[in-house]
Protein backbone atom coordinates (compact mmCIF):
# COMPACT_ATOMS: atom_id res chain seq x y z
CA UNK A 1 -233.24 -44.88 39.36
CA UNK A 2 -231.20 -48.07 39.11
CA UNK A 3 -232.51 -51.11 40.92
CA UNK A 4 -230.31 -54.07 41.77
CA UNK A 5 -231.62 -57.46 42.84
CA UNK A 6 -229.28 -60.10 44.23
CA UNK A 7 -230.05 -63.81 44.27
CA UNK A 8 -228.41 -67.22 44.51
CA UNK A 9 -227.34 -67.34 48.13
CA UNK A 10 -227.97 -70.22 50.45
CA UNK A 11 -226.46 -72.76 52.80
CA UNK A 12 -223.36 -74.61 51.66
CA UNK A 13 -220.77 -76.81 53.36
CA UNK A 14 -217.14 -75.71 53.62
CA UNK A 15 -215.44 -76.42 50.31
CA UNK A 16 -218.68 -76.08 48.40
CA UNK A 17 -219.72 -73.66 45.68
CA UNK A 18 -222.41 -71.08 44.98
CA UNK A 19 -223.20 -68.83 42.04
CA UNK A 20 -224.68 -65.42 42.82
CA UNK A 21 -226.55 -63.23 40.35
CA UNK A 22 -227.21 -59.49 40.34
CA UNK A 23 -229.89 -58.23 37.97
CA UNK A 24 -229.85 -54.52 37.11
CA UNK A 25 -232.80 -52.53 35.87
CA UNK A 26 -232.69 -49.68 33.40
CA UNK A 27 -230.47 -48.91 30.48
CA UNK A 28 -226.79 -47.95 30.25
CA UNK A 29 -225.75 -50.87 32.44
CA UNK A 30 -222.84 -51.71 30.16
CA UNK A 31 -220.97 -48.44 30.81
CA UNK A 32 -220.59 -48.96 34.57
CA UNK A 33 -218.09 -50.88 36.59
CA UNK A 34 -219.80 -53.32 38.94
CA UNK A 35 -218.80 -55.15 42.07
CA UNK A 36 -219.80 -57.60 44.73
CA UNK A 37 -219.64 -56.50 48.35
CA UNK A 38 -220.23 -58.47 51.51
CA UNK A 39 -220.96 -57.69 55.13
CA UNK A 40 -220.67 -60.12 58.00
CA UNK A 41 -222.14 -59.44 61.46
CA UNK A 42 -220.01 -56.96 63.38
CA UNK A 43 -217.85 -56.13 60.38
CA UNK A 44 -217.66 -53.36 57.80
CA UNK A 45 -218.98 -53.90 54.32
CA UNK A 46 -216.11 -54.85 52.03
CA UNK A 47 -215.61 -55.07 48.29
CA UNK A 48 -214.62 -58.60 47.31
CA UNK A 49 -214.70 -58.51 43.50
CA UNK A 50 -215.04 -55.89 40.78
CA UNK A 51 -215.39 -55.85 37.02
CA UNK A 52 -215.04 -52.90 34.67
CA UNK A 53 -217.27 -52.10 31.73
CA UNK A 54 -214.56 -53.66 29.56
CA UNK A 55 -214.37 -56.86 31.56
CA UNK A 56 -211.19 -56.33 33.60
CA UNK A 57 -211.44 -57.85 37.08
CA UNK A 58 -210.00 -57.32 40.55
CA UNK A 59 -210.39 -59.34 43.74
CA UNK A 60 -209.79 -58.95 47.42
CA UNK A 61 -206.82 -60.96 48.64
CA UNK A 62 -209.11 -63.11 50.75
CA UNK A 63 -211.00 -64.47 47.73
CA UNK A 64 -208.51 -64.41 44.87
CA UNK A 65 -208.24 -67.79 43.19
CA UNK A 66 -211.58 -68.92 44.62
CA UNK A 67 -214.11 -66.36 43.34
CA UNK A 68 -214.77 -65.27 39.77
CA UNK A 69 -216.81 -62.21 38.78
CA UNK A 70 -218.34 -61.94 35.32
CA UNK A 71 -220.98 -59.91 33.53
CA UNK A 72 -223.51 -60.32 30.74
CA UNK A 73 -224.32 -56.91 29.30
CA UNK A 74 -227.12 -58.31 27.16
CA UNK A 75 -228.91 -59.57 30.27
CA UNK A 76 -227.81 -56.64 32.48
CA UNK A 77 -226.55 -59.16 35.00
CA UNK A 78 -223.39 -59.60 37.08
CA UNK A 79 -222.38 -62.98 38.48
CA UNK A 80 -220.12 -64.19 41.25
CA UNK A 81 -218.95 -67.79 41.09
CA UNK A 82 -217.73 -68.81 44.54
CA UNK A 83 -215.71 -71.99 44.94
CA UNK A 84 -213.89 -73.58 47.88
CA UNK A 85 -216.08 -71.66 50.30
CA UNK A 86 -214.86 -71.11 53.84
CA UNK A 87 -216.80 -70.30 57.02
CA UNK A 88 -215.31 -66.80 56.96
CA UNK A 89 -217.03 -66.21 53.60
CA UNK A 90 -220.41 -66.25 55.34
CA UNK A 91 -222.06 -62.85 54.93
CA UNK A 92 -224.80 -60.97 53.17
CA UNK A 93 -223.62 -60.29 49.62
CA UNK A 94 -224.58 -57.15 47.73
CA UNK A 95 -223.89 -55.76 44.29
CA UNK A 96 -223.40 -52.11 43.35
CA UNK A 97 -221.37 -49.83 41.16
CA UNK A 98 -217.58 -49.61 41.32
CA UNK A 99 -215.97 -47.27 42.12
CA UNK A 100 -219.14 -45.23 42.50
CA UNK A 101 -222.01 -46.88 44.36
CA UNK A 102 -224.79 -45.42 42.26
CA UNK A 103 -227.71 -47.42 43.64
CA UNK A 104 -229.27 -47.78 47.05
CA UNK A 105 -228.22 -50.88 48.92
CA UNK A 106 -230.74 -53.65 48.44
CA UNK A 107 -231.56 -56.63 50.58
CA UNK A 108 -228.59 -58.63 49.37
CA UNK A 109 -228.43 -62.40 49.39
CA UNK A 110 -227.37 -64.46 52.40
CA UNK A 111 -224.48 -66.89 52.11
CA UNK A 112 -224.05 -69.34 54.96
CA UNK A 113 -221.08 -71.71 55.09
CA UNK A 114 -221.48 -74.41 57.70
CA UNK A 115 -221.15 -78.14 58.15
């Protein structure tokens, strides 16, 4: 079983920044693509950023140029650097495999963007 633990969320003003972390348990982390998903109240969960095992990245149009996904295979950790945050970025953020979601959804980490 793979366990994923998200952290780093919090309250930030519009235009501010946050750095999220996703720690993965177990071995073989480095062979999987990983992504960050988010879900706002009343909306579907959406994929906002993805990174392959080789380090190639893709972003949703809504976050391109503002968010950066990265990974550290030694630490079994995926990061999401979020800059120029907007109120519409507010959501619970989750990590999981891409394209296959191989782990159960965890608690996620809450991001609130408000003045």
